[in-house]
Amino acid sequence: MTSRTHEVGLAARALASTLVVLVPSYVVERITNYYFLTSNPLFGDWSGLRIWLFIVLILAGSVVAGVLFSELLPAALCSVLGVSGLLLLVYAICDPKVCYSTGLDGLEPLRMGVDLSSVALVGASVGVYVRTRQPSSGFAYAATAFAAFVAIAYYPVVFSMAGTRLLGPIHPWAVVLLLFLLSFSTAAAASGGNGRMVSFALPVGAGAATILVSVGIASAYLSLIAGQILLMAVALVAGAAGGVLAMGRRRAWTFRHFSSSTKPLLLLVVFVLVMTVVILPDAVTGIVPQGAAAGSTPVFGMGVPVYAGAYMDSSLNRTEGESLTVSFAGTNTSAIQSDNYLAAGIGAHSPGCCVDGIDYGYRFDVYLFRSGNESLVASAWEVCDYVSACGGHSWKVLMFLDASDIGRPSLSSKIQLTLEWRDHTVCWVYAIGSGPARNLTRFETQPQENPYFNLGTFSGGIRNSMSGFFQFGMMSRYPIGRGGWLVTLECPAYMAASGWKCVDHARTLEGGQSYWKVLWRWGEDYPHVVALPNGGQGVAFSYSPSATMESFQSLW
């Protein structure tokens, strides 16, 4: 009877521990879903806060599990089971309208599982300590230290892999510094009761695991962030080595005292919160030539251009077409560096119909090179924000890219660029001078995309940033930095019920403010560019040695 009672009690604790981790987070999920399905204005804030609420609630629930069991293994198993149940409910057993995206490589459930399970393991360890007042040791200590490292480092690392910037002015050094300090602290703390090899291997192994589980989202642009990944690896190794060596010195009492307390981890948690919550990450979706254009169409790919442009300033609306006329008249191509370019065109936004956080961006640009050659470039992006439905972090996919060399038309020629929906297909159409309209290319969109472009602006959500849905502007690989060039944009227009209509009101946007969706921008700031209204419904961009265009200035 006693054995039976013990078994029942054990089962009850296991059930309670699992549910206390699972249920509160799922309640948050259901509230967010309700706001989404009823178009409640609160949805934006709940959607952005949801992943952080998950972390807090799972941490609290796993602490309770540790208190209930007073042993790490069963408490951790039940906590991880609760996390697994939550993942099953949001990725599989859910309304398709609110199911989470598995991401571009299908591994978002794994990434979210690693992050939340690490949080759960740390919470369970804290709960056991609260119950027993006995610090963990041996394998339990190593597992907890490993999980704590992953839980703290995960978001800075995964955002870096996503091609976003954290604490932009010191990017990527903020993440590198965090990993160094975290590695140092973990190795130093572990040196108190473990050998040097174990103390060194713990942070290096945890950091490597965090990088490996995240790197899949950067497969399309790995070369662009290879330097950052190398810096992360160096920081991990240097921090671990420094922590082990510091704790091995007799005179390093200060290090031992500091590392044996909770102060380092608390400071690093605050650092992460500042990087990923207080100062939110942002990212660029841009296309740049992968080499100089010398007589033939260059190869284009992902990159980070500098950008200066404008946006349609109006209330939110929708259209099935956007158009712009571009001219480089007044440009001397010798002003363009041999490895640079001058480009101008349209940036458009199309909303997703279903998964929270996923939207689509389209560009149509004409690129001018020093040789005088010009290329038309069509691109389409799928992006996801830092909401939990996207794995709790951002990612981007270049869905479609096509380019065509148009030779060396006269720089005085005007080129009309048009983006247009035809059923569920986006078409890129152009005309040079008074010539006929020609189809450059077309792209059949995904079923979950709404077949229209958004117009106007939108402000709201946790970031409270302004998104300019219909943008028109100019770009370069890097600032040209001298005069001799001119970009004129005329009659940015959209398809209205009565036909094509030029934009009534427009304002300037520097690259750092060129948000077309929450944290997604068309480029970085372009210094020493000024914008002047051109004929009431157009704008001319040129170089100024003493001034730089400000954002949100009225053009017409």
Protein backbone atom coordinates (compact mmCIF):
# COMPACT_ATOMS: atom_id res chain seq x y z
CA MET A 1 0.00 0.00 0.00
CA THR A 2 2.88 2.29 0.85
CA SER A 3 4.55 1.50 -2.48
CA ARG A 4 1.27 2.13 -4.31
CA THR A 5 0.84 5.46 -2.52
CA HIS A 6 4.39 6.41 -3.41
CA GLU A 7 3.76 5.61 -7.08
CA VAL A 8 0.55 7.64 -7.12
CA GLY A 9 2.31 10.55 -5.46
CA LEU A 10 5.17 10.35 -7.96
CA ALA A 11 2.74 10.31 -10.88
CA ALA A 12 0.84 13.26 -9.42
CA ARG A 13 4.05 15.27 -9.04
CA ALA A 14 5.12 14.38 -12.57
CA LEU A 15 1.76 15.46 -13.99
CA ALA A 16 1.73 18.66 -11.96
CA SER A 17 5.31 19.49 -12.97
CA THR A 18 4.57 18.95 -16.65
CA LEU A 19 1.36 20.96 -16.62
CA VAL A 20 2.80 23.88 -14.66
CA VAL A 21 5.35 24.29 -17.45
CA LEU A 22 2.95 23.71 -20.33
CA VAL A 23 -0.38 25.31 -19.38
CA PRO A 24 0.54 28.96 -18.60
CA SER A 25 2.43 29.37 -21.87
CA TYR A 26 -0.34 27.73 -23.85
CA VAL A 27 -2.87 30.09 -22.25
CA VAL A 28 -0.75 33.01 -23.52
CA GLU A 29 -0.74 31.38 -26.95
CA ARG A 30 -4.52 30.98 -26.99
CA ILE A 31 -5.06 34.61 -25.94
CA THR A 32 -2.75 35.76 -28.75
CA ASN A 33 -4.58 33.56 -31.25
CA TYR A 34 -7.91 35.03 -30.17
CA TYR A 35 -6.62 38.56 -30.70
CA PHE A 36 -5.26 37.55 -34.12
CA LEU A 37 -8.45 35.89 -35.34
CA THR A 38 -10.64 38.77 -34.10
CA SER A 39 -8.28 41.50 -35.48
CA ASN A 40 -7.92 42.97 -32.00
CA PRO A 41 -5.46 45.92 -31.81
CA LEU A 42 -3.77 44.23 -28.84
CA PHE A 43 -2.54 41.43 -31.09
CA GLY A 44 0.64 43.27 -32.15
CA ASP A 45 1.89 43.70 -28.59
CA TRP A 46 0.96 40.19 -27.49
CA SER A 47 2.58 38.70 -30.56
CA GLY A 48 5.88 40.47 -29.89
CA LEU A 49 5.89 39.76 -26.16
CA ARG A 50 4.78 36.14 -26.45
CA ILE A 51 8.25 34.53 -26.66
CA TRP A 52 9.46 36.45 -23.61
CA LEU A 53 6.35 35.46 -21.68
CA PHE A 54 7.05 31.84 -22.64
CA ILE A 55 10.57 32.11 -21.25
CA VAL A 56 9.43 33.66 -17.96
CA LEU A 57 6.54 31.24 -17.48
CA ILE A 58 8.56 28.14 -18.39
CA LEU A 59 11.35 29.25 -16.05
CA ALA A 60 8.85 29.75 -13.21
CA GLY A 61 7.09 26.46 -13.93
CA SER A 62 10.32 24.47 -13.99
CA VAL A 63 11.36 26.03 -10.66
CA VAL A 64 8.12 24.66 -9.23
CA ALA A 65 8.94 21.26 -10.76
CA GLY A 66 12.34 21.31 -9.06
CA VAL A 67 10.75 22.13 -5.72
CA LEU A 68 8.20 19.34 -6.12
CA PHE A 69 10.79 16.67 -6.93
CA SER A 70 13.93 17.90 -5.11
CA GLU A 71 15.91 15.91 -7.67
CA LEU A 72 17.19 17.38 -10.93
CA LEU A 73 16.66 14.44 -13.30
CA PRO A 74 12.88 13.89 -12.83
CA ALA A 75 12.24 17.64 -12.51
CA ALA A 76 14.17 18.34 -15.72
CA LEU A 77 12.47 15.50 -17.60
CA CYS A 78 8.99 16.72 -16.67
CA SER A 79 9.90 20.32 -17.53
CA VAL A 80 11.25 19.31 -20.93
CA LEU A 81 8.14 17.20 -21.47
CA GLY A 82 6.05 20.31 -20.83
CA VAL A 83 8.12 22.25 -23.37
CA SER A 84 7.68 19.41 -25.89
CA GLY A 85 3.92 19.49 -25.35
CA LEU A 86 3.86 23.22 -26.04
CA LEU A 87 5.83 22.75 -29.27
CA LEU A 88 3.45 19.99 -30.37
CA LEU A 89 0.46 22.26 -29.79
CA VAL A 90 1.84 25.25 -31.68
CA TYR A 91 3.46 23.42 -34.59
CA ALA A 92 1.16 20.44 -35.23
CA ILE A 93 -2.08 20.33 -33.22
CA CYS A 94 -3.28 23.80 -34.19
CA ASP A 95 -5.50 25.77 -36.53
CA PRO A 96 -3.49 26.23 -39.79
CA LYS A 97 -4.17 29.97 -39.54
CA VAL A 98 -2.16 30.20 -36.33
CA CYS A 99 0.29 27.31 -36.57
CA TYR A 100 3.93 28.31 -36.23
CA SER A 101 6.27 28.34 -39.22
CA THR A 102 8.93 25.64 -39.28
CA GLY A 103 11.26 28.08 -41.03
CA LEU A 104 13.30 28.05 -44.19
CA ASP A 105 15.15 24.85 -43.23
CA GLY A 106 12.33 23.21 -41.25
CA LEU A 107 14.32 23.32 -37.99
CA GLU A 108 12.56 26.07 -36.06
CA PRO A 109 10.87 23.54 -33.72
CA LEU A 110 14.35 22.22 -32.87
CA ARG A 111 15.73 25.71 -32.24
CA MET A 112 12.83 26.77 -30.07
CA GLY A 113 12.99 23.42 -28.28
CA VAL A 114 16.71 23.83 -27.52
CA ASP A 115 16.19 27.35 -26.19
CA LEU A 116 13.12 26.68 -24.04
CA SER A 117 14.44 23.32 -22.80
CA SER A 118 17.64 25.04 -21.68
CA VAL A 119 15.56 27.56 -19.76
CA ALA A 120 13.55 24.70 -18.24
CA LEU A 121 16.66 22.83 -17.13
CA VAL A 122 18.05 25.93 -15.44
CA GLY A 123 14.72 26.51 -13.69
CA ALA A 124 14.54 22.91 -12.50
CA SER A 125 18.04 23.22 -11.05
CA VAL A 126 17.06 26.40 -9.21
CA GLY A 127 13.97 24.69 -7.85
CA VAL A 128 15.98 21.74 -6.55
CA TYR A 129 18.38 24.13 -4.81
CA VAL A 130 15.48 26.04 -3.24
CA ARG A 131 14.12 22.75 -1.88
CA THR A 132 17.37 21.11 -0.73
CA ARG A 133 19.78 24.04 -0.28
CA GLN A 134 22.40 21.76 -1.77
CA PRO A 135 24.33 23.10 -4.80
CA SER A 136 24.52 20.74 -7.75
CA SER A 137 27.71 18.91 -8.53
CA GLY A 138 29.16 16.47 -11.03
CA PHE A 139 27.01 15.77 -14.08
CA ALA A 140 24.08 17.80 -12.71
CA TYR A 141 26.31 20.87 -12.40
CA ALA A 142 27.77 20.40 -15.88
CA ALA A 143 24.30 19.98 -17.45
CA THR A 144 22.99 23.07 -15.67
CA ALA A 145 26.02 25.17 -16.65
CA PHE A 146 25.68 24.00 -20.27
CA ALA A 147 21.96 24.86 -20.31
CA ALA A 148 22.52 28.25 -18.66
CA PHE A 149 25.09 29.15 -21.31
CA VAL A 150 22.75 28.20 -24.16
CA ALA A 151 19.78 30.00 -22.58
CA ILE A 152 21.75 33.25 -22.23
CA ALA A 153 23.64 33.12 -25.53
CA TYR A 154 20.88 31.79 -27.77
CA TYR A 155 19.13 34.99 -28.86
CA PRO A 156 22.22 37.13 -29.49
CA VAL A 157 23.71 34.30 -31.55
CA VAL A 158 20.57 33.42 -33.49
CA PHE A 159 19.84 37.07 -34.32
CA SER A 160 23.40 37.42 -35.60
CA MET A 161 22.87 34.36 -37.79
CA ALA A 162 19.65 35.93 -39.05
CA GLY A 163 21.63 38.80 -40.53
CA THR A 164 20.43 41.39 -38.03
CA ARG A 165 22.32 43.90 -35.93
CA LEU A 166 22.26 44.11 -32.13
CA LEU A 167 23.40 47.38 -30.57
CA GLY A 168 24.09 48.66 -34.07
CA PRO A 169 26.84 51.21 -33.27
CA ILE A 170 29.11 48.44 -31.93
CA HIS A 171 27.88 45.56 -34.07
CA PRO A 172 29.11 42.77 -34.04
CA TRP A 173 31.34 43.47 -31.05
CA ALA A 174 28.44 43.48 -28.58
CA VAL A 175 27.74 39.80 -29.28
CA VAL A 176 31.45 38.95 -29.30
CA LEU A 177 31.90 40.64 -25.92
CA LEU A 178 28.89 38.82 -24.50
CA LEU A 179 30.23 35.42 -25.57
CA PHE A 180 33.68 36.19 -24.22
CA LEU A 181 32.34 37.24 -20.80
CA LEU A 182 29.88 34.34 -20.66
CA SER A 183 32.59 31.85 -21.62
CA PHE A 184 35.00 33.34 -19.09
CA SER A 185 32.40 33.30 -16.30
CA THR A 186 31.29 29.73 -17.03
CA ALA A 187 34.84 28.36 -17.17
CA ALA A 188 35.87 30.25 -14.04
CA ALA A 189 32.86 29.05 -12.05
CA ALA A 190 33.33 25.45 -13.22
CA SER A 191 36.99 25.47 -12.18
CA GLY A 192 36.01 25.37 -8.54
CA GLY A 193 35.19 21.65 -8.56
CA ASN A 194 36.14 20.32 -11.99
CA GLY A 195 39.31 19.72 -13.92
CA ARG A 196 40.66 22.26 -16.34
CA MET A 197 39.59 20.29 -19.40
CA VAL A 198 35.98 20.08 -18.21
CA SER A 199 35.95 23.75 -17.25
CA PHE A 200 37.30 24.70 -20.67
CA ALA A 201 35.05 22.32 -22.62
CA LEU A 202 31.79 23.42 -20.97
CA PRO A 203 31.53 26.96 -22.43
CA VAL A 204 33.22 26.04 -25.70
CA GLY A 205 30.86 23.09 -26.22
CA ALA A 206 27.77 25.07 -25.24
CA GLY A 207 28.75 27.97 -27.49
CA ALA A 208 29.52 25.67 -30.41
CA ALA A 209 26.15 23.92 -29.97
CA THR A 210 24.36 27.29 -29.96
CA ILE A 211 26.10 28.35 -33.17
CA LEU A 212 25.52 25.01 -34.91
CA VAL A 213 21.81 24.90 -34.11
CA SER A 214 21.42 28.45 -35.44
CA VAL A 215 23.61 28.52 -38.53
CA GLY A 216 21.04 26.83 -40.81
CA ILE A 217 19.03 30.03 -41.14
CA ALA A 218 22.04 31.72 -42.76
CA SER A 219 22.77 29.12 -45.43
CA ALA A 220 21.95 31.52 -48.29
CA TYR A 221 24.32 34.24 -47.11
CA LEU A 222 26.84 32.39 -44.97
CA SER A 223 29.77 34.13 -46.63
CA LEU A 224 28.45 37.51 -45.47
CA ILE A 225 28.57 36.55 -41.80
CA ALA A 226 31.53 34.14 -41.85
CA GLY A 227 33.70 36.81 -40.22
CA GLN A 228 31.20 37.22 -37.37
CA ILE A 229 31.07 33.48 -36.78
CA LEU A 230 34.87 33.34 -36.63
CA LEU A 231 34.90 36.18 -34.09
CA MET A 232 32.31 34.31 -31.99
CA ALA A 233 34.45 31.17 -32.02
CA VAL A 234 37.57 33.11 -31.02
CA ALA A 235 35.64 34.79 -28.18
CA LEU A 236 34.43 31.42 -26.88
CA VAL A 237 37.90 29.88 -26.83
CA ALA A 238 39.63 32.98 -25.46
CA GLY A 239 37.02 33.44 -22.72
CA ALA A 240 37.17 29.79 -21.65
CA ALA A 241 40.96 29.79 -21.59
CA GLY A 242 41.03 33.05 -19.66
CA GLY A 243 38.54 31.77 -17.10
CA VAL A 244 40.48 28.57 -16.47
CA LEU A 245 43.82 30.38 -16.17
CA ALA A 246 42.44 33.12 -13.92
CA MET A 247 40.97 30.61 -11.47
CA GLY A 248 44.23 28.68 -11.41
CA ARG A 249 46.18 31.57 -9.96
CA ARG A 250 46.45 31.77 -6.21
CA ARG A 251 46.23 35.54 -6.27
CA ALA A 252 43.01 35.47 -8.28
CA TRP A 253 40.74 35.56 -5.21
CA THR A 254 38.71 38.38 -6.77
CA PHE A 255 37.98 36.25 -9.82
CA ARG A 256 37.00 33.26 -7.69
CA HIS A 257 34.74 35.31 -5.46
CA PHE A 258 33.07 37.08 -8.38
CA SER A 259 32.60 33.92 -10.45
CA SER A 260 31.20 31.85 -7.60
CA SER A 261 28.35 34.32 -7.11
CA THR A 262 25.30 34.87 -9.28
CA LYS A 263 26.40 38.39 -10.24
CA PRO A 264 28.08 37.51 -13.57
CA LEU A 265 25.08 35.58 -14.89
CA LEU A 266 22.64 38.27 -13.77
CA LEU A 267 24.71 40.97 -15.45
CA LEU A 268 24.90 38.93 -18.65
CA VAL A 269 21.13 38.33 -18.62
CA VAL A 270 20.62 42.09 -18.33
CA PHE A 271 23.06 42.57 -21.21
CA VAL A 272 21.03 40.17 -23.38
CA LEU A 273 17.78 41.90 -22.48
CA VAL A 274 19.27 45.25 -23.47
CA MET A 275 20.47 43.85 -26.78
CA THR A 276 17.32 42.00 -27.79
CA VAL A 277 14.48 43.78 -26.00
CA VAL A 278 15.37 47.35 -25.07
CA ILE A 279 17.27 47.89 -28.31
CA LEU A 280 15.57 45.65 -30.83
CA PRO A 281 17.47 44.11 -33.73
CA ASP A 282 17.04 45.25 -37.29
CA ALA A 283 17.94 43.77 -40.65
CA VAL A 284 18.48 44.67 -44.28
CA THR A 285 17.08 42.96 -47.35
CA GLY A 286 19.27 44.06 -50.22
CA ILE A 287 20.65 42.90 -53.57
CA VAL A 288 24.17 43.81 -54.68
CA PRO A 289 26.36 42.70 -57.61
CA GLN A 290 28.77 39.99 -56.59
CA GLY A 291 31.48 41.50 -58.83
CA ALA A 292 32.17 44.52 -61.01
CA ALA A 293 30.16 44.74 -64.23
CA ALA A 294 32.53 44.88 -67.20
CA GLY A 295 30.52 44.43 -70.36
CA SER A 296 28.15 41.69 -69.26
CA THR A 297 25.37 41.10 -66.78
CA PRO A 298 26.91 40.71 -63.31
CA VAL A 299 25.86 38.05 -60.85
CA PHE A 300 23.62 39.47 -58.16
CA GLY A 301 23.05 38.20 -54.66
CA MET A 302 22.27 39.13 -51.07
CA GLY A 303 24.10 42.13 -49.67
CA VAL A 304 23.76 45.27 -47.57
CA PRO A 305 23.58 48.41 -49.74
CA VAL A 306 23.42 52.02 -48.63
CA TYR A 307 20.05 53.58 -49.39
CA ALA A 308 18.31 56.94 -49.57
CA GLY A 309 14.71 57.25 -50.67
CA ALA A 310 11.18 58.34 -49.99
CA TYR A 311 7.82 56.79 -49.16
CA MET A 312 4.18 57.36 -49.93
CA ASP A 313 2.79 59.25 -46.94
CA SER A 314 -0.85 58.24 -46.60
CA SER A 315 -3.20 56.07 -44.61
CA LEU A 316 -3.01 52.31 -45.07
CA ASN A 317 -4.45 51.08 -48.34
CA ARG A 318 -3.83 48.43 -51.00
CA THR A 319 -3.15 48.25 -54.71
CA GLU A 320 -2.42 45.72 -57.44
CA GLY A 321 0.33 47.77 -59.08
CA GLU A 322 3.14 50.25 -58.40
CA SER A 323 5.19 52.21 -60.90
CA LEU A 324 8.14 54.64 -61.08
CA THR A 325 10.10 56.48 -63.77
CA VAL A 326 13.89 56.56 -63.26
CA SER A 327 16.48 58.76 -64.97
CA PHE A 328 20.26 59.07 -64.57
CA ALA A 329 20.43 62.21 -66.75
CA GLY A 330 23.19 64.47 -65.45
CA THR A 331 25.38 61.58 -64.31
CA ASN A 332 29.00 61.12 -65.40
CA THR A 333 29.63 57.39 -64.97
CA SER A 334 33.31 58.04 -64.20
CA ALA A 335 32.12 59.28 -60.80
CA ILE A 336 31.07 55.71 -59.95
CA GLN A 337 33.88 53.59 -58.51
CA SER A 338 34.86 50.50 -60.51
CA ASP A 339 33.51 48.15 -57.82
CA ASN A 340 30.45 50.26 -57.08
CA TYR A 341 27.15 51.07 -58.80
CA LEU A 342 24.28 53.54 -58.77
CA ALA A 343 20.80 52.03 -58.60
CA ALA A 344 17.24 53.30 -58.28
CA GLY A 345 13.83 51.71 -58.11
CA ILE A 346 10.74 50.56 -56.21
CA GLY A 347 10.39 48.76 -52.89
CA ALA A 348 6.99 47.17 -52.25
CA HIS A 349 5.36 45.23 -49.43
CA SER A 350 2.86 42.38 -49.69
CA PRO A 351 1.25 40.88 -46.57
CA GLY A 352 1.01 37.22 -45.69
CA CYS A 353 -2.46 35.89 -45.07
CA CYS A 354 -1.79 33.40 -42.32
CA VAL A 355 1.35 32.78 -40.26
CA ASP A 356 1.99 35.59 -37.80
CA GLY A 357 5.17 37.51 -38.62
CA ILE A 358 5.66 36.43 -42.24
CA ASP A 359 5.46 39.06 -44.98
CA TYR A 360 6.86 39.63 -48.46
CA GLY A 361 8.96 42.34 -50.04
CA TYR A 362 9.49 43.09 -53.73
CA ARG A 363 11.99 45.27 -55.53
CA PHE A 364 12.41 46.45 -59.09
CA ASP A 365 15.64 48.39 -59.72
CA VAL A 366 17.83 49.60 -62.54
CA TYR A 367 21.59 49.42 -61.83
CA LEU A 368 24.08 51.74 -63.56
CA PHE A 369 27.79 50.84 -63.60
CA ARG A 370 30.94 52.79 -64.32
CA SER A 371 31.16 51.15 -67.74
CA GLY A 372 27.80 52.72 -68.68
CA ASN A 373 26.10 49.33 -68.70
CA GLU A 374 22.72 49.07 -67.04
CA SER A 375 20.94 46.06 -65.58
CA LEU A 376 17.36 45.52 -64.48
CA VAL A 377 17.02 43.48 -61.30
CA ALA A 378 13.85 41.86 -59.95
CA SER A 379 13.81 40.38 -56.45
CA ALA A 380 11.28 38.94 -54.02
CA TRP A 381 11.77 38.28 -50.31
CA GLU A 382 10.01 36.32 -47.62
CA VAL A 383 10.83 37.62 -44.14
CA CYS A 384 9.76 36.71 -40.64
CA ASP A 385 9.87 38.89 -37.55
CA TYR A 386 11.16 38.10 -34.05
CA VAL A 387 7.80 36.67 -32.90
CA SER A 388 7.44 33.15 -31.51
CA ALA A 389 5.55 31.97 -34.62
CA CYS A 390 8.85 32.43 -36.48
CA GLY A 391 10.87 30.63 -33.84
CA GLY A 392 11.26 33.71 -31.67
CA HIS A 393 13.79 35.29 -34.01
CA SER A 394 13.89 36.84 -37.46
CA TRP A 395 14.88 35.18 -40.73
CA LYS A 396 14.87 36.06 -44.42
CA VAL A 397 14.61 34.15 -47.68
CA LEU A 398 15.41 35.46 -51.14
CA MET A 399 12.54 33.69 -52.90
CA PHE A 400 13.18 35.00 -56.39
CA LEU A 401 15.94 36.86 -58.21
CA ASP A 402 16.26 37.69 -61.91
CA ALA A 403 18.49 40.16 -63.73
CA SER A 404 18.82 41.31 -67.32
CA ASP A 405 21.46 43.45 -69.00
CA ILE A 406 19.93 46.25 -71.09
CA GLY A 407 23.21 47.46 -72.54
CA ARG A 408 24.05 51.16 -72.59
CA PRO A 409 20.91 53.21 -73.19
CA SER A 410 21.36 56.96 -73.22
CA LEU A 411 21.61 58.31 -69.69
CA SER A 412 19.01 60.88 -70.68
CA SER A 413 16.54 58.06 -71.38
CA LYS A 414 13.78 57.59 -68.85
CA ILE A 415 13.11 54.02 -67.70
CA GLN A 416 9.67 53.18 -66.40
CA LEU A 417 9.53 50.35 -63.85
CA THR A 418 6.25 48.64 -62.99
CA LEU A 419 5.40 45.97 -60.43
CA GLU A 420 1.98 44.46 -61.02
CA TRP A 421 -0.18 41.64 -59.70
CA ARG A 422 -1.91 39.45 -62.27
CA ASP A 423 -4.00 36.89 -60.44
CA HIS A 424 -1.49 35.29 -58.03
CA THR A 425 1.57 36.22 -60.05
CA VAL A 426 3.83 39.27 -59.71
CA CYS A 427 5.08 40.73 -63.00
CA TRP A 428 8.04 43.06 -63.56
CA VAL A 429 7.43 45.29 -66.61
CA TYR A 430 9.67 48.04 -67.99
CA ALA A 431 9.83 50.57 -70.83
CA ILE A 432 12.81 52.60 -72.02
CA GLY A 433 12.02 56.11 -73.25
CA SER A 434 9.04 56.09 -75.56
CA GLY A 435 9.55 52.40 -76.36
CA PRO A 436 6.94 49.71 -75.73
CA ALA A 437 6.36 48.08 -72.36
CA ARG A 438 8.19 44.79 -72.03
CA ASN A 439 7.88 41.94 -69.57
CA LEU A 440 11.16 41.40 -67.74
CA THR A 441 10.09 38.42 -65.64
CA ARG A 442 7.30 37.01 -63.49
CA PHE A 443 6.98 35.09 -60.27
CA GLU A 444 4.12 32.86 -59.14
CA THR A 445 3.68 33.63 -55.47
CA GLN A 446 2.95 31.32 -52.59
CA PRO A 447 -0.69 30.46 -51.74
CA GLN A 448 -0.41 32.07 -48.28
CA GLU A 449 0.42 35.47 -49.74
CA ASN A 450 -2.28 38.07 -50.31
CA PRO A 451 -2.25 39.16 -53.99
CA TYR A 452 -1.81 42.89 -53.51
CA PHE A 453 0.69 45.49 -52.32
CA ASN A 454 0.20 47.63 -49.24
CA LEU A 455 0.31 51.41 -49.56
CA GLY A 456 0.88 54.14 -47.00
CA THR A 457 2.32 53.71 -43.53
CA PHE A 458 1.79 51.66 -40.42
CA SER A 459 2.99 52.27 -36.86
CA GLY A 460 2.45 49.95 -33.93
CA GLY A 461 3.45 46.77 -32.17
CA ILE A 462 6.16 46.37 -29.59
CA ARG A 463 8.75 48.18 -31.69
CA ASN A 464 6.38 51.05 -32.56
CA SER A 465 8.42 51.75 -35.70
CA MET A 466 6.99 53.32 -38.84
CA SER A 467 6.79 51.08 -41.90
CA GLY A 468 6.66 52.79 -45.28
CA PHE A 469 5.07 50.18 -47.50
CA PHE A 470 5.53 51.88 -50.90
CA GLN A 471 9.09 53.19 -51.15
CA PHE A 472 11.16 54.56 -54.02
CA GLY A 473 14.82 55.40 -53.75
CA MET A 474 18.45 54.97 -54.77
CA MET A 475 21.25 52.65 -53.63
CA SER A 476 24.95 51.90 -53.92
CA ARG A 477 27.25 49.19 -52.60
CA TYR A 478 28.85 51.95 -50.51
CA PRO A 479 28.63 55.75 -50.70
CA ILE A 480 29.99 57.16 -53.96
CA GLY A 481 31.29 60.03 -51.87
CA ARG A 482 31.72 62.62 -54.61
CA GLY A 483 29.70 64.63 -57.08
CA GLY A 484 29.07 64.02 -60.75
CA TRP A 485 25.94 61.90 -60.43
CA LEU A 486 22.19 62.55 -60.30
CA VAL A 487 19.19 60.26 -59.83
CA THR A 488 15.75 61.56 -60.73
CA LEU A 489 12.56 59.70 -59.77
CA GLU A 490 9.34 60.86 -61.41
CA CYS A 491 5.69 60.09 -60.70
CA PRO A 492 5.84 57.22 -58.24
CA ALA A 493 2.39 55.83 -58.93
CA TYR A 494 -0.04 53.14 -57.86
CA MET A 495 -2.98 51.45 -59.53
CA ALA A 496 -6.24 52.93 -58.25
CA ALA A 497 -9.81 52.07 -59.19
CA SER A 498 -9.77 54.88 -61.76
CA GLY A 499 -6.38 53.94 -63.22
CA TRP A 500 -2.77 54.84 -62.45
CA LYS A 501 -2.32 57.72 -60.01
CA CYS A 502 0.86 59.56 -58.97
CA VAL A 503 1.53 59.64 -55.22
CA ASP A 504 -0.05 62.77 -53.65
CA HIS A 505 2.29 63.08 -50.65
CA ALA A 506 5.80 61.78 -50.08
CA ARG A 507 8.48 62.08 -47.38
CA THR A 508 12.17 61.25 -47.28
CA LEU A 509 13.68 58.12 -45.72
CA GLU A 510 17.34 57.45 -44.98
CA GLY A 511 18.42 53.81 -45.06
CA GLY A 512 18.44 53.56 -41.28
CA GLN A 513 14.72 54.41 -41.28
CA SER A 514 13.70 52.60 -44.48
CA TYR A 515 11.55 50.05 -42.65
CA TRP A 516 9.16 48.27 -44.94
CA LYS A 517 8.17 45.74 -42.26
CA VAL A 518 8.85 46.07 -38.50
CA LEU A 519 12.63 45.48 -38.45
CA TRP A 520 13.28 45.00 -42.18
CA ARG A 521 14.92 47.82 -44.11
CA TRP A 522 16.06 48.31 -47.71
CA GLY A 523 19.55 49.47 -46.74
CA GLU A 524 21.87 51.40 -44.45
CA ASP A 525 22.22 55.18 -44.24
CA TYR A 526 23.62 56.96 -47.32
CA PRO A 527 25.65 59.97 -46.12
CA HIS A 528 26.06 63.17 -48.16
CA VAL A 529 22.93 62.60 -50.24
CA VAL A 530 20.38 65.38 -50.55
CA ALA A 531 16.87 65.22 -51.98
CA LEU A 532 15.08 68.00 -53.83
CA PRO A 533 11.46 67.93 -55.05
CA ASN A 534 11.26 67.68 -58.81
CA GLY A 535 8.19 69.12 -60.48
CA GLY A 536 5.72 68.51 -57.67
CA GLN A 537 5.49 64.71 -58.03
CA GLY A 538 9.10 63.58 -58.12
CA VAL A 539 12.44 63.85 -56.38
CA ALA A 540 16.09 64.25 -57.44
CA PHE A 541 18.93 62.80 -55.36
CA SER A 542 22.46 64.19 -55.62
CA TYR A 543 25.70 64.56 -53.69
CA SER A 544 26.42 67.26 -51.12
CA PRO A 545 29.81 67.62 -49.40
CA SER A 546 28.26 69.40 -46.40
CA ALA A 547 24.79 67.97 -45.83
CA THR A 548 22.87 64.70 -45.55
CA MET A 549 19.16 64.25 -46.15
CA GLU A 550 17.09 63.74 -43.01
CA SER A 551 14.24 61.24 -42.80
CA PHE A 552 10.53 62.17 -42.71
CA GLN A 553 10.99 65.51 -44.46
CA SER A 554 8.09 66.46 -46.73
CA LEU A 555 8.90 66.40 -50.46
CA TRP A 556 5.49 67.27 -51.89
